[in-house]
């Protein structure tokens, strides 16, 4: 996934969170709900970015 696709995906989930918060009157910020939805989507799909699959190198 390139940078533009990643940012677009984040903004779409943020917008979806804002819409849900305004429609349902939930008392949490829309971007927080959007990030929770993104996290749940990533957990269901079972995919992680390639960067997280590599072990970290210590300096």
C-alpha atoms as a PDB file:
ATOM      1  CA  UNK A   1       0.000   0.000   0.000  1.00  0.00           C
ATOM      2  CA  UNK A   2       1.527   3.313  -0.955  1.00  0.00           C
ATOM      3  CA  UNK A   3       1.362   6.513   1.054  1.00  0.00           C
ATOM      4  CA  UNK A   4      -1.600   8.064  -0.768  1.00  0.00           C
ATOM      5  CA  UNK A   5      -3.711   4.925  -0.402  1.00  0.00           C
ATOM      6  CA  UNK A   6      -2.896   4.731   3.309  1.00  0.00           C
ATOM      7  CA  UNK A   7      -3.813   8.358   3.995  1.00  0.00           C
ATOM      8  CA  UNK A   8      -7.012   7.995   1.971  1.00  0.00           C
ATOM      9  CA  UNK A   9      -7.992   4.912   3.961  1.00  0.00           C
ATOM     10  CA  UNK A  10      -7.366   6.714   7.254  1.00  0.00           C
ATOM     11  CA  UNK A  11      -9.465   9.696   6.178  1.00  0.00           C
ATOM     12  CA  UNK A  12     -12.318   7.472   4.994  1.00  0.00           C
ATOM     13  CA  UNK A  13     -12.448   5.711   8.363  1.00  0.00           C
ATOM     14  CA  UNK A  14     -12.251   9.060  10.164  1.00  0.00           C
ATOM     15  CA  UNK A  15     -15.150  10.373   8.092  1.00  0.00           C
ATOM     16  CA  UNK A  16     -17.166   7.214   8.746  1.00  0.00           C
ATOM     17  CA  UNK A  17     -16.512   7.622  12.472  1.00  0.00           C
ATOM     18  CA  UNK A  18     -17.666  11.258  12.372  1.00  0.00           C
ATOM     19  CA  UNK A  19     -20.861  10.318  10.526  1.00  0.00           C
ATOM     20  CA  UNK A  20     -21.695   7.504  12.949  1.00  0.00           C
ATOM     21  CA  UNK A  21     -21.046   9.722  15.992  1.00  0.00           C
ATOM     22  CA  UNK A  22     -23.299  12.471  14.639  1.00  0.00           C
ATOM     23  CA  UNK A  23     -26.076  10.073  13.640  1.00  0.00           C
ATOM     24  CA  UNK A  24     -26.095   8.057  16.865  1.00  0.00           C
ATOM     25  CA  UNK A  25     -25.123  10.824  19.283  1.00  0.00           C
ATOM     26  CA  UNK A  26     -22.297   8.774  20.776  1.00  0.00           C
ATOM     27  CA  UNK A  27     -20.116  10.670  23.250  1.00  0.00           C
ATOM     28  CA  UNK A  28     -16.719   9.695  21.817  1.00  0.00           C
ATOM     29  CA  UNK A  29     -14.813  11.638  19.149  1.00  0.00           C
ATOM     30  CA  UNK A  30     -15.456  10.569  15.557  1.00  0.00           C
ATOM     31  CA  UNK A  31     -11.782  10.030  14.681  1.00  0.00           C
ATOM     32  CA  UNK A  32     -11.387   7.711  17.687  1.00  0.00           C
ATOM     33  CA  UNK A  33     -14.352   5.625  16.561  1.00  0.00           C
ATOM     34  CA  UNK A  34     -12.913   5.598  13.046  1.00  0.00           C
ATOM     35  CA  UNK A  35      -9.566   4.283  14.285  1.00  0.00           C
ATOM     36  CA  UNK A  36     -11.328   1.587  16.335  1.00  0.00           C
ATOM     37  CA  UNK A  37     -13.232   0.550  13.215  1.00  0.00           C
ATOM     38  CA  UNK A  38      -9.977   0.480  11.219  1.00  0.00           C
ATOM     39  CA  UNK A  39      -8.325  -1.643  13.915  1.00  0.00           C
ATOM     40  CA  UNK A  40     -11.232  -4.094  13.916  1.00  0.00           C
ATOM     41  CA  UNK A  41     -11.128  -4.285  10.113  1.00  0.00           C
ATOM     42  CA  UNK A  42      -7.400  -5.034  10.188  1.00  0.00           C
ATOM     43  CA  UNK A  43      -7.892  -7.719  12.842  1.00  0.00           C
ATOM     44  CA  UNK A  44     -10.678  -9.399  10.848  1.00  0.00           C
ATOM     45  CA  UNK A  45      -8.685  -9.327   7.617  1.00  0.00           C
ATOM     46  CA  UNK A  46      -5.647 -10.700   9.435  1.00  0.00           C
ATOM     47  CA  UNK A  47      -3.166  -8.527   7.551  1.00  0.00           C
ATOM     48  CA  UNK A  48      -0.397  -6.371   8.911  1.00  0.00           C
ATOM     49  CA  UNK A  49       1.851  -3.917   7.121  1.00  0.00           C
ATOM     50  CA  UNK A  50       5.100  -5.510   5.910  1.00  0.00           C
ATOM     51  CA  UNK A  51       7.058  -3.256   8.260  1.00  0.00           C
ATOM     52  CA  UNK A  52       5.528  -5.035  11.263  1.00  0.00           C
ATOM     53  CA  UNK A  53       6.491  -8.470   9.958  1.00  0.00           C
ATOM     54  CA  UNK A  54      10.232  -7.748  10.210  1.00  0.00           C
ATOM     55  CA  UNK A  55      12.072  -7.855  13.519  1.00  0.00           C
ATOM     56  CA  UNK A  56      13.353  -4.522  14.786  1.00  0.00           C
ATOM     57  CA  UNK A  57      17.100  -3.926  14.657  1.00  0.00           C
ATOM     58  CA  UNK A  58      18.705  -2.445  17.732  1.00  0.00           C
ATOM     59  CA  UNK A  59      21.156   0.403  17.253  1.00  0.00           C
END
